[in-house]
């Protein structure tokens, strides 16, 4: 698990080569404009307070969510938000299995 977390952190701290404009939401934040960076195995987007949300797929209908503090340093572990599953009827939205954390990410076309 630690290796996956560190990979997510390193991907999130790197400047994405291409990020798409979109709208995002995460529990405790209103919907906000964001830049969504995807890599085929997950996504990242910045939060309004400077933190980064990172999501890594682990299976077709399952993934791990992380919050990376705005002042994160190399080697610092992200805050694990747990395993997420898709929300039925809400494309682009996922919810954590262990609590009420939910995120949505949509890209403008």
PDB file of N, CA and C in Angstrom:
ATOM      1  N   UNK A   1       0.829  -1.189   0.000  1.00  0.00           N
ATOM      2  CA  UNK A   1       0.000   0.000   0.000  1.00  0.00           C
ATOM      3  C   UNK A   1       0.869   1.246   0.000  1.00  0.00           C
ATOM      4  N   UNK A   2       1.977   1.219   0.743  1.00  0.00           N
ATOM      5  CA  UNK A   2       2.854   2.379   0.839  1.00  0.00           C
ATOM      6  C   UNK A   2       3.413   2.755  -0.530  1.00  0.00           C
ATOM      7  N   UNK A   3       3.805   1.751  -1.324  1.00  0.00           N
ATOM      8  CA  UNK A   3       4.352   2.036  -2.649  1.00  0.00           C
ATOM      9  C   UNK A   3       3.320   2.740  -3.515  1.00  0.00           C
ATOM     10  N   UNK A   4       2.075   2.253  -3.483  1.00  0.00           N
ATOM     11  CA  UNK A   4       1.018   2.900  -4.251  1.00  0.00           C
ATOM     12  C   UNK A   4       0.783   4.326  -3.806  1.00  0.00           C
ATOM     13  N   UNK A   5       0.821   4.550  -2.507  1.00  0.00           N
ATOM     14  CA  UNK A   5       0.626   5.899  -1.978  1.00  0.00           C
ATOM     15  C   UNK A   5       1.743   6.818  -2.430  1.00  0.00           C
ATOM     16  N   UNK A   6       2.960   6.339  -2.387  1.00  0.00           N
ATOM     17  CA  UNK A   6       4.086   7.175  -2.795  1.00  0.00           C
ATOM     18  C   UNK A   6       4.039   7.455  -4.295  1.00  0.00           C
ATOM     19  N   UNK A   7       3.589   6.479  -5.085  1.00  0.00           N
ATOM     20  CA  UNK A   7       3.453   6.701  -6.511  1.00  0.00           C
ATOM     21  C   UNK A   7       2.428   7.793  -6.772  1.00  0.00           C
ATOM     22  N   UNK A   8       1.314   7.749  -6.075  1.00  0.00           N
ATOM     23  CA  UNK A   8       0.288   8.780  -6.234  1.00  0.00           C
ATOM     24  C   UNK A   8       0.858  10.138  -5.860  1.00  0.00           C
ATOM     25  N   UNK A   9       1.597  10.198  -4.765  1.00  0.00           N
ATOM     26  CA  UNK A   9       2.193  11.463  -4.337  1.00  0.00           C
ATOM     27  C   UNK A   9       3.154  11.976  -5.390  1.00  0.00           C
ATOM     28  N   UNK A  10       4.002  11.121  -5.916  1.00  0.00           N
ATOM     29  CA  UNK A  10       4.977  11.590  -6.899  1.00  0.00           C
ATOM     30  C   UNK A  10       4.286  12.048  -8.172  1.00  0.00           C
ATOM     31  N   UNK A  11       3.223  11.371  -8.570  1.00  0.00           N
ATOM     32  CA  UNK A  11       2.481  11.809  -9.754  1.00  0.00           C
ATOM     33  C   UNK A  11       1.785  13.139  -9.501  1.00  0.00           C
ATOM     34  N   UNK A  12       1.242  13.297  -8.317  1.00  0.00           N
ATOM     35  CA  UNK A  12       0.508  14.520  -7.999  1.00  0.00           C
ATOM     36  C   UNK A  12       1.433  15.715  -7.856  1.00  0.00           C
ATOM     37  N   UNK A  13       2.640  15.499  -7.374  1.00  0.00           N
ATOM     38  CA  UNK A  13       3.564  16.610  -7.191  1.00  0.00           C
ATOM     39  C   UNK A  13       4.223  17.026  -8.497  1.00  0.00           C
ATOM     40  N   UNK A  14       4.229  16.140  -9.468  1.00  0.00           N
ATOM     41  CA  UNK A  14       4.787  16.482 -10.771  1.00  0.00           C
ATOM     42  C   UNK A  14       3.782  17.358 -11.513  1.00  0.00           C
ATOM     43  N   UNK A  15       4.263  18.303 -12.279  1.00  0.00           N
ATOM     44  CA  UNK A  15       3.373  19.146 -13.061  1.00  0.00           C
ATOM     45  C   UNK A  15       2.825  18.338 -14.226  1.00  0.00           C
ATOM     46  N   UNK A  16       1.501  18.206 -14.329  1.00  0.00           N
ATOM     47  CA  UNK A  16       0.945  17.397 -15.401  1.00  0.00           C
ATOM     48  C   UNK A  16       1.225  18.016 -16.763  1.00  0.00           C
ATOM     49  N   UNK A  17       1.564  17.167 -17.734  1.00  0.00           N
ATOM     50  CA  UNK A  17       1.833  17.640 -19.086  1.00  0.00           C
ATOM     51  C   UNK A  17       0.561  18.190 -19.708  1.00  0.00           C
ATOM     52  N   UNK A  18      -0.553  17.561 -19.419  1.00  0.00           N
ATOM     53  CA  UNK A  18      -1.816  18.071 -19.932  1.00  0.00           C
ATOM     54  C   UNK A  18      -2.916  17.799 -18.917  1.00  0.00           C
ATOM     55  N   UNK A  19      -3.575  18.842 -18.549  1.00  0.00           N
ATOM     56  CA  UNK A  19      -4.718  18.736 -17.646  1.00  0.00           C
ATOM     57  C   UNK A  19      -5.894  19.391 -18.353  1.00  0.00           C
ATOM     58  N   UNK A  20      -7.046  18.829 -18.164  1.00  0.00           N
ATOM     59  CA  UNK A  20      -8.246  19.354 -18.799  1.00  0.00           C
ATOM     60  C   UNK A  20      -9.058  20.171 -17.806  1.00  0.00           C
ATOM     61  N   UNK A  21      -9.612  21.270 -18.292  1.00  0.00           N
ATOM     62  CA  UNK A  21     -10.476  22.109 -17.462  1.00  0.00           C
ATOM     63  C   UNK A  21     -11.754  21.350 -17.151  1.00  0.00           C
ATOM     64  N   UNK A  22     -12.223  21.501 -15.932  1.00  0.00           N
ATOM     65  CA  UNK A  22     -13.440  20.813 -15.551  1.00  0.00           C
ATOM     66  C   UNK A  22     -14.030  21.371 -14.279  1.00  0.00           C
ATOM     67  N   UNK A  23     -14.947  20.606 -13.715  1.00  0.00           N
ATOM     68  CA  UNK A  23     -15.537  20.937 -12.420  1.00  0.00           C
ATOM     69  C   UNK A  23     -15.356  19.744 -11.504  1.00  0.00           C
ATOM     70  N   UNK A  24     -15.025  20.028 -10.260  1.00  0.00           N
ATOM     71  CA  UNK A  24     -14.768  18.980  -9.278  1.00  0.00           C
ATOM     72  C   UNK A  24     -15.518  19.281  -7.992  1.00  0.00           C
ATOM     73  N   UNK A  25     -15.684  18.250  -7.205  1.00  0.00           N
ATOM     74  CA  UNK A  25     -16.211  18.415  -5.853  1.00  0.00           C
ATOM     75  C   UNK A  25     -15.606  17.324  -4.984  1.00  0.00           C
ATOM     76  N   UNK A  26     -15.515  17.624  -3.714  1.00  0.00           N
ATOM     77  CA  UNK A  26     -15.048  16.684  -2.707  1.00  0.00           C
ATOM     78  C   UNK A  26     -15.780  17.040  -1.423  1.00  0.00           C
ATOM     79  N   UNK A  27     -16.130  16.051  -0.643  1.00  0.00           N
ATOM     80  CA  UNK A  27     -16.812  16.302   0.622  1.00  0.00           C
ATOM     81  C   UNK A  27     -16.103  17.421   1.383  1.00  0.00           C
ATOM     82  N   UNK A  28     -16.859  18.328   1.942  1.00  0.00           N
ATOM     83  CA  UNK A  28     -16.407  19.512   2.684  1.00  0.00           C
ATOM     84  C   UNK A  28     -15.992  20.675   1.783  1.00  0.00           C
ATOM     85  N   UNK A  29     -16.092  20.528   0.469  1.00  0.00           N
ATOM     86  CA  UNK A  29     -15.824  21.613  -0.482  1.00  0.00           C
ATOM     87  C   UNK A  29     -17.042  21.738  -1.379  1.00  0.00           C
ATOM     88  N   UNK A  30     -17.392  22.965  -1.755  1.00  0.00           N
ATOM     89  CA  UNK A  30     -18.427  23.157  -2.756  1.00  0.00           C
ATOM     90  C   UNK A  30     -17.859  22.748  -4.108  1.00  0.00           C
ATOM     91  N   UNK A  31     -18.719  22.672  -5.127  1.00  0.00           N
ATOM     92  CA  UNK A  31     -18.249  22.411  -6.487  1.00  0.00           C
ATOM     93  C   UNK A  31     -17.373  23.578  -6.923  1.00  0.00           C
ATOM     94  N   UNK A  32     -16.258  23.279  -7.585  1.00  0.00           N
ATOM     95  CA  UNK A  32     -15.307  24.313  -7.985  1.00  0.00           C
ATOM     96  C   UNK A  32     -14.691  23.964  -9.335  1.00  0.00           C
ATOM     97  N   UNK A  33     -14.224  25.006 -10.042  1.00  0.00           N
ATOM     98  CA  UNK A  33     -13.497  24.793 -11.289  1.00  0.00           C
ATOM     99  C   UNK A  33     -12.150  24.176 -10.958  1.00  0.00           C
ATOM    100  N   UNK A  34     -11.702  23.252 -11.808  1.00  0.00           N
ATOM    101  CA  UNK A  34     -10.445  22.563 -11.525  1.00  0.00           C
ATOM    102  C   UNK A  34      -9.765  22.151 -12.824  1.00  0.00           C
ATOM    103  N   UNK A  35      -8.521  21.780 -12.719  1.00  0.00           N
ATOM    104  CA  UNK A  35      -7.767  21.165 -13.806  1.00  0.00           C
ATOM    105  C   UNK A  35      -7.620  19.698 -13.439  1.00  0.00           C
ATOM    106  N   UNK A  36      -8.200  18.818 -14.259  1.00  0.00           N
ATOM    107  CA  UNK A  36      -8.178  17.381 -13.987  1.00  0.00           C
ATOM    108  C   UNK A  36      -7.079  16.745 -14.824  1.00  0.00           C
ATOM    109  N   UNK A  37      -6.085  16.180 -14.158  1.00  0.00           N
ATOM    110  CA  UNK A  37      -5.007  15.464 -14.839  1.00  0.00           C
ATOM    111  C   UNK A  37      -5.300  13.972 -14.738  1.00  0.00           C
ATOM    112  N   UNK A  38      -5.275  13.290 -15.876  1.00  0.00           N
ATOM    113  CA  UNK A  38      -5.524  11.853 -15.893  1.00  0.00           C
ATOM    114  C   UNK A  38      -4.326  11.138 -16.490  1.00  0.00           C
ATOM    115  N   UNK A  39      -4.153   9.879 -16.084  1.00  0.00           N
ATOM    116  CA  UNK A  39      -3.040   9.103 -16.623  1.00  0.00           C
ATOM    117  C   UNK A  39      -3.447   7.686 -16.991  1.00  0.00           C
ATOM    118  N   UNK A  40      -4.734   7.428 -17.143  1.00  0.00           N
ATOM    119  CA  UNK A  40      -5.203   6.103 -17.507  1.00  0.00           C
ATOM    120  C   UNK A  40      -5.415   5.201 -16.311  1.00  0.00           C
ATOM    121  N   UNK A  41      -4.752   5.486 -15.209  1.00  0.00           N
ATOM    122  CA  UNK A  41      -4.909   4.679 -14.012  1.00  0.00           C
ATOM    123  C   UNK A  41      -5.419   5.493 -12.847  1.00  0.00           C
ATOM    124  N   UNK A  42      -5.802   6.725 -13.105  1.00  0.00           N
ATOM    125  CA  UNK A  42      -6.286   7.569 -12.030  1.00  0.00           C
ATOM    126  C   UNK A  42      -6.359   9.015 -12.452  1.00  0.00           C
ATOM    127  N   UNK A  43      -6.522   9.880 -11.459  1.00  0.00           N
ATOM    128  CA  UNK A  43      -6.615  11.310 -11.743  1.00  0.00           C
ATOM    129  C   UNK A  43      -6.167  12.104 -10.527  1.00  0.00           C
ATOM    130  N   UNK A  44      -5.846  13.350 -10.772  1.00  0.00           N
ATOM    131  CA  UNK A  44      -5.536  14.292  -9.696  1.00  0.00           C
ATOM    132  C   UNK A  44      -6.186  15.625 -10.023  1.00  0.00           C
ATOM    133  N   UNK A  45      -6.535  16.365  -8.976  1.00  0.00           N
ATOM    134  CA  UNK A  45      -6.974  17.744  -9.157  1.00  0.00           C
ATOM    135  C   UNK A  45      -6.675  18.522  -7.888  1.00  0.00           C
ATOM    136  N   UNK A  46      -6.391  19.798  -8.082  1.00  0.00           N
ATOM    137  CA  UNK A  46      -6.099  20.670  -6.954  1.00  0.00           C
ATOM    138  C   UNK A  46      -7.370  21.094  -6.247  1.00  0.00           C
ATOM    139  N   UNK A  47      -7.276  21.225  -4.938  1.00  0.00           N
ATOM    140  CA  UNK A  47      -8.398  21.697  -4.126  1.00  0.00           C
ATOM    141  C   UNK A  47      -8.269  23.198  -3.893  1.00  0.00           C
ATOM    142  N   UNK A  48      -9.361  23.881  -3.610  1.00  0.00           N
ATOM    143  CA  UNK A  48      -9.311  25.342  -3.442  1.00  0.00           C
ATOM    144  C   UNK A  48      -8.327  25.822  -2.375  1.00  0.00           C
ATOM    145  N   UNK A  49      -8.014  24.999  -1.383  1.00  0.00           N
ATOM    146  CA  UNK A  49      -7.095  25.419  -0.318  1.00  0.00           C
ATOM    147  C   UNK A  49      -5.636  25.051  -0.592  1.00  0.00           C
ATOM    148  N   UNK A  50      -5.330  24.600  -1.814  1.00  0.00           N
ATOM    149  CA  UNK A  50      -3.952  24.289  -2.185  1.00  0.00           C
ATOM    150  C   UNK A  50      -3.565  22.828  -2.031  1.00  0.00           C
ATOM    151  N   UNK A  51      -4.410  22.035  -1.390  1.00  0.00           N
ATOM    152  CA  UNK A  51      -4.137  20.604  -1.297  1.00  0.00           C
ATOM    153  C   UNK A  51      -4.424  19.956  -2.648  1.00  0.00           C
ATOM    154  N   UNK A  52      -4.053  18.691  -2.791  1.00  0.00           N
ATOM    155  CA  UNK A  52      -4.302  17.944  -4.020  1.00  0.00           C
ATOM    156  C   UNK A  52      -5.077  16.683  -3.669  1.00  0.00           C
ATOM    157  N   UNK A  53      -6.103  16.382  -4.461  1.00  0.00           N
ATOM    158  CA  UNK A  53      -6.810  15.114  -4.340  1.00  0.00           C
ATOM    159  C   UNK A  53      -6.267  14.196  -5.417  1.00  0.00           C
ATOM    160  N   UNK A  54      -5.936  12.976  -5.046  1.00  0.00           N
ATOM    161  CA  UNK A  54      -5.434  11.985  -6.001  1.00  0.00           C
ATOM    162  C   UNK A  54      -6.266  10.717  -5.864  1.00  0.00           C
ATOM    163  N   UNK A  55      -6.559  10.108  -7.007  1.00  0.00           N
ATOM    164  CA  UNK A  55      -7.348   8.884  -7.045  1.00  0.00           C
ATOM    165  C   UNK A  55      -6.657   7.912  -7.981  1.00  0.00           C
ATOM    166  N   UNK A  56      -6.444   6.687  -7.513  1.00  0.00           N
ATOM    167  CA  UNK A  56      -5.781   5.657  -8.314  1.00  0.00           C
ATOM    168  C   UNK A  56      -6.690   4.436  -8.417  1.00  0.00           C
ATOM    169  N   UNK A  57      -7.017   4.042  -9.651  1.00  0.00           N
ATOM    170  CA  UNK A  57      -7.820   2.836  -9.848  1.00  0.00           C
ATOM    171  C   UNK A  57      -7.028   1.612  -9.411  1.00  0.00           C
ATOM    172  N   UNK A  58      -7.694   0.703  -8.718  1.00  0.00           N
ATOM    173  CA  UNK A  58      -7.077  -0.565  -8.342  1.00  0.00           C
ATOM    174  C   UNK A  58      -7.787  -1.731  -9.012  1.00  0.00           C
ATOM    175  N   UNK A  59      -8.986  -1.491  -9.523  1.00  0.00           N
ATOM    176  CA  UNK A  59      -9.798  -2.480 -10.215  1.00  0.00           C
ATOM    177  C   UNK A  59     -10.803  -1.699 -11.057  1.00  0.00           C
ATOM    178  N   UNK A  60     -11.603  -2.404 -11.857  1.00  0.00           N
ATOM    179  CA  UNK A  60     -12.566  -1.709 -12.719  1.00  0.00           C
ATOM    180  C   UNK A  60     -13.516  -0.806 -11.935  1.00  0.00           C
ATOM    181  N   UNK A  61     -13.999  -1.268 -10.808  1.00  0.00           N
ATOM    182  CA  UNK A  61     -14.976  -0.515 -10.022  1.00  0.00           C
ATOM    183  C   UNK A  61     -14.479  -0.221  -8.616  1.00  0.00           C
ATOM    184  N   UNK A  62     -13.179   0.056  -8.490  1.00  0.00           N
ATOM    185  CA  UNK A  62     -12.620   0.317  -7.174  1.00  0.00           C
ATOM    186  C   UNK A  62     -11.339   1.127  -7.317  1.00  0.00           C
ATOM    187  N   UNK A  63     -11.117   2.008  -6.374  1.00  0.00           N
ATOM    188  CA  UNK A  63      -9.892   2.801  -6.384  1.00  0.00           C
ATOM    189  C   UNK A  63      -9.584   3.344  -5.003  1.00  0.00           C
ATOM    190  N   UNK A  64      -8.396   3.911  -4.864  1.00  0.00           N
ATOM    191  CA  UNK A  64      -7.945   4.487  -3.599  1.00  0.00           C
ATOM    192  C   UNK A  64      -7.876   5.999  -3.723  1.00  0.00           C
ATOM    193  N   UNK A  65      -8.370   6.694  -2.713  1.00  0.00           N
ATOM    194  CA  UNK A  65      -8.335   8.151  -2.692  1.00  0.00           C
ATOM    195  C   UNK A  65      -7.339   8.658  -1.670  1.00  0.00           C
ATOM    196  N   UNK A  66      -6.679   9.769  -2.009  1.00  0.00           N
ATOM    197  CA  UNK A  66      -5.676  10.380  -1.136  1.00  0.00           C
ATOM    198  C   UNK A  66      -5.826  11.893  -1.172  1.00  0.00           C
ATOM    199  N   UNK A  67      -5.497  12.540  -0.072  1.00  0.00           N
ATOM    200  CA  UNK A  67      -5.414  13.994  -0.020  1.00  0.00           C
ATOM    201  C   UNK A  67      -3.976  14.335   0.332  1.00  0.00           C
ATOM    202  N   UNK A  68      -3.373  15.173  -0.487  1.00  0.00           N
ATOM    203  CA  UNK A  68      -1.979  15.554  -0.299  1.00  0.00           C
ATOM    204  C   UNK A  68      -1.943  16.986   0.212  1.00  0.00           C
ATOM    205  N   UNK A  69      -1.390  17.207   1.404  1.00  0.00           N
ATOM    206  CA  UNK A  69      -1.354  18.557   1.977  1.00  0.00           C
ATOM    207  C   UNK A  69      -0.633  19.549   1.062  1.00  0.00           C
ATOM    208  N   UNK A  70      -1.044  20.798   1.148  1.00  0.00           N
ATOM    209  CA  UNK A  70      -0.436  21.849   0.324  1.00  0.00           C
ATOM    210  C   UNK A  70       1.048  21.999   0.618  1.00  0.00           C
ATOM    211  N   UNK A  71       1.447  21.715   1.841  1.00  0.00           N
ATOM    212  CA  UNK A  71       2.854  21.877   2.220  1.00  0.00           C
ATOM    213  C   UNK A  71       3.601  20.541   2.261  1.00  0.00           C
ATOM    214  N   UNK A  72       3.138  19.561   1.475  1.00  0.00           N
ATOM    215  CA  UNK A  72       3.769  18.238   1.472  1.00  0.00           C
ATOM    216  C   UNK A  72       5.227  18.330   1.035  1.00  0.00           C
ATOM    217  N   UNK A  73       6.038  17.511   1.657  1.00  0.00           N
ATOM    218  CA  UNK A  73       7.457  17.436   1.316  1.00  0.00           C
ATOM    219  C   UNK A  73       7.746  16.064   0.723  1.00  0.00           C
ATOM    220  N   UNK A  74       8.808  15.930  -0.064  1.00  0.00           N
ATOM    221  CA  UNK A  74       9.148  14.625  -0.631  1.00  0.00           C
ATOM    222  C   UNK A  74       9.268  13.571   0.475  1.00  0.00           C
ATOM    223  N   UNK A  75       8.659  12.429   0.244  1.00  0.00           N
ATOM    224  CA  UNK A  75       8.697  11.347   1.212  1.00  0.00           C
ATOM    225  C   UNK A  75       7.572  11.367   2.225  1.00  0.00           C
ATOM    226  N   UNK A  76       6.836  12.467   2.284  1.00  0.00           N
ATOM    227  CA  UNK A  76       5.712  12.563   3.226  1.00  0.00           C
ATOM    228  C   UNK A  76       4.541  11.746   2.695  1.00  0.00           C
ATOM    229  N   UNK A  77       3.944  10.946   3.554  1.00  0.00           N
ATOM    230  CA  UNK A  77       2.798  10.134   3.148  1.00  0.00           C
ATOM    231  C   UNK A  77       1.551  11.002   2.997  1.00  0.00           C
ATOM    232  N   UNK A  78       0.731  10.711   1.989  1.00  0.00           N
ATOM    233  CA  UNK A  78      -0.537  11.428   1.848  1.00  0.00           C
ATOM    234  C   UNK A  78      -1.540  10.939   2.888  1.00  0.00           C
ATOM    235  N   UNK A  79      -2.613  11.685   3.039  1.00  0.00           N
ATOM    236  CA  UNK A  79      -3.708  11.273   3.911  1.00  0.00           C
ATOM    237  C   UNK A  79      -4.561  10.282   3.120  1.00  0.00           C
ATOM    238  N   UNK A  80      -4.658   9.057   3.601  1.00  0.00           N
ATOM    239  CA  UNK A  80      -5.441   8.037   2.907  1.00  0.00           C
ATOM    240  C   UNK A  80      -6.919   8.236   3.204  1.00  0.00           C
ATOM    241  N   UNK A  81      -7.714   8.333   2.150  1.00  0.00           N
ATOM    242  CA  UNK A  81      -9.156   8.504   2.292  1.00  0.00           C
ATOM    243  C   UNK A  81      -9.900   7.188   2.126  1.00  0.00           C
ATOM    244  N   UNK A  82      -9.186   6.131   1.777  1.00  0.00           N
ATOM    245  CA  UNK A  82      -9.779   4.804   1.702  1.00  0.00           C
ATOM    246  C   UNK A  82     -10.139   4.357   0.302  1.00  0.00           C
ATOM    247  N   UNK A  83     -10.857   3.247   0.281  1.00  0.00           N
ATOM    248  CA  UNK A  83     -11.300   2.629  -0.968  1.00  0.00           C
ATOM    249  C   UNK A  83     -12.585   3.318  -1.420  1.00  0.00           C
ATOM    250  N   UNK A  84     -12.651   3.616  -2.710  1.00  0.00           N
ATOM    251  CA  UNK A  84     -13.820   4.268  -3.305  1.00  0.00           C
ATOM    252  C   UNK A  84     -14.464   3.340  -4.323  1.00  0.00           C
ATOM    253  N   UNK A  85     -15.785   3.503  -4.491  1.00  0.00           N
ATOM    254  CA  UNK A  85     -16.533   2.791  -5.522  1.00  0.00           C
ATOM    255  C   UNK A  85     -17.384   3.813  -6.276  1.00  0.00           C
ATOM    256  N   UNK A  86     -17.728   3.515  -7.545  1.00  0.00           N
ATOM    257  CA  UNK A  86     -18.547   4.461  -8.310  1.00  0.00           C
ATOM    258  C   UNK A  86     -19.932   4.623  -7.689  1.00  0.00           C
ATOM    259  N   UNK A  87     -20.475   5.825  -7.827  1.00  0.00           N
ATOM    260  CA  UNK A  87     -21.845   6.084  -7.369  1.00  0.00           C
ATOM    261  C   UNK A  87     -22.803   5.789  -8.522  1.00  0.00           C
ATOM    262  N   UNK A  88     -23.717   4.857  -8.356  1.00  0.00           N
ATOM    263  CA  UNK A  88     -24.657   4.523  -9.427  1.00  0.00           C
ATOM    264  C   UNK A  88     -25.472   5.745  -9.854  1.00  0.00           C
ATOM    265  N   UNK A  89     -25.608   5.925 -11.155  1.00  0.00           N
ATOM    266  CA  UNK A  89     -26.415   7.016 -11.687  1.00  0.00           C
ATOM    267  C   UNK A  89     -25.765   8.383 -11.621  1.00  0.00           C
ATOM    268  N   UNK A  90     -24.509   8.454 -11.183  1.00  0.00           N
ATOM    269  CA  UNK A  90     -23.793   9.726 -11.101  1.00  0.00           C
ATOM    270  C   UNK A  90     -22.424   9.575 -11.769  1.00  0.00           C
ATOM    271  N   UNK A  91     -22.379   9.657 -13.097  1.00  0.00           N
ATOM    272  CA  UNK A  91     -21.106   9.480 -13.805  1.00  0.00           C
ATOM    273  C   UNK A  91     -20.030  10.433 -13.286  1.00  0.00           C
ATOM    274  N   UNK A  92     -18.834   9.905 -13.093  1.00  0.00           N
ATOM    275  CA  UNK A  92     -17.717  10.717 -12.619  1.00  0.00           C
ATOM    276  C   UNK A  92     -17.678  10.907 -11.115  1.00  0.00           C
ATOM    277  N   UNK A  93     -18.622  10.284 -10.395  1.00  0.00           N
ATOM    278  CA  UNK A  93     -18.678  10.428  -8.937  1.00  0.00           C
ATOM    279  C   UNK A  93     -18.391   9.091  -8.256  1.00  0.00           C
ATOM    280  N   UNK A  94     -17.628   9.171  -7.182  1.00  0.00           N
ATOM    281  CA  UNK A  94     -17.225   7.991  -6.415  1.00  0.00           C
ATOM    282  C   UNK A  94     -17.423   8.278  -4.935  1.00  0.00           C
ATOM    283  N   UNK A  95     -17.652   7.222  -4.131  1.00  0.00           N
ATOM    284  CA  UNK A  95     -17.802   7.387  -2.686  1.00  0.00           C
ATOM    285  C   UNK A  95     -16.902   6.395  -1.957  1.00  0.00           C
ATOM    286  N   UNK A  96     -16.443   6.833  -0.807  1.00  0.00           N
ATOM    287  CA  UNK A  96     -15.594   5.980   0.027  1.00  0.00           C
ATOM    288  C   UNK A  96     -16.454   4.937   0.728  1.00  0.00           C
ATOM    289  N   UNK A  97     -15.912   3.746   0.878  1.00  0.00           N
ATOM    290  CA  UNK A  97     -16.647   2.669   1.541  1.00  0.00           C
ATOM    291  C   UNK A  97     -16.691   2.846   3.052  1.00  0.00           C
ATOM    292  N   UNK A  98     -15.663   3.473   3.638  1.00  0.00           N
ATOM    293  CA  UNK A  98     -15.582   3.530   5.106  1.00  0.00           C
ATOM    294  C   UNK A  98     -16.235   4.758   5.732  1.00  0.00           C
ATOM    295  N   UNK A  99     -16.569   5.756   4.928  1.00  0.00           N
ATOM    296  CA  UNK A  99     -17.204   6.957   5.481  1.00  0.00           C
ATOM    297  C   UNK A  99     -18.027   7.634   4.390  1.00  0.00           C
ATOM    298  N   UNK A 100     -18.427   8.856   4.618  1.00  0.00           N
ATOM    299  CA  UNK A 100     -19.288   9.558   3.661  1.00  0.00           C
ATOM    300  C   UNK A 100     -18.515  10.406   2.658  1.00  0.00           C
ATOM    301  N   UNK A 101     -17.223  10.214   2.526  1.00  0.00           N
ATOM    302  CA  UNK A 101     -16.441  11.013   1.581  1.00  0.00           C
ATOM    303  C   UNK A 101     -16.865  10.687   0.156  1.00  0.00           C
ATOM    304  N   UNK A 102     -17.071  11.730  -0.630  1.00  0.00           N
ATOM    305  CA  UNK A 102     -17.504  11.589  -2.022  1.00  0.00           C
ATOM    306  C   UNK A 102     -16.740  12.598  -2.862  1.00  0.00           C
ATOM    307  N   UNK A 103     -16.365  12.189  -4.085  1.00  0.00           N
ATOM    308  CA  UNK A 103     -15.794  13.156  -5.016  1.00  0.00           C
ATOM    309  C   UNK A 103     -16.419  12.967  -6.385  1.00  0.00           C
ATOM    310  N   UNK A 104     -16.440  14.052  -7.137  1.00  0.00           N
ATOM    311  CA  UNK A 104     -16.895  14.033  -8.522  1.00  0.00           C
ATOM    312  C   UNK A 104     -15.899  14.839  -9.343  1.00  0.00           C
ATOM    313  N   UNK A 105     -15.639  14.390 -10.543  1.00  0.00           N
ATOM    314  CA  UNK A 105     -14.772  15.125 -11.461  1.00  0.00           C
ATOM    315  C   UNK A 105     -15.345  14.996 -12.864  1.00  0.00           C
ATOM    316  N   UNK A 106     -15.575  16.127 -13.505  1.00  0.00           N
ATOM    317  CA  UNK A 106     -16.047  16.130 -14.886  1.00  0.00           C
ATOM    318  C   UNK A 106     -15.192  17.098 -15.684  1.00  0.00           C
ATOM    319  N   UNK A 107     -14.958  16.738 -16.931  1.00  0.00           N
ATOM    320  CA  UNK A 107     -14.098  17.527 -17.812  1.00  0.00           C
ATOM    321  C   UNK A 107     -14.968  18.219 -18.847  1.00  0.00           C
ATOM    322  N   UNK A 108     -14.683  19.505 -19.109  1.00  0.00           N
ATOM    323  CA  UNK A 108     -15.401  20.250 -20.142  1.00  0.00           C
ATOM    324  C   UNK A 108     -14.941  19.767 -21.510  1.00  0.00           C
ATOM    325  N   UNK A 109     -15.888  19.641 -22.423  1.00  0.00           N
ATOM    326  CA  UNK A 109     -15.529  19.234 -23.789  1.00  0.00           C
ATOM    327  C   UNK A 109     -15.596  20.394 -24.724  1.00  0.00           C
TER     328      UNK A 109
END
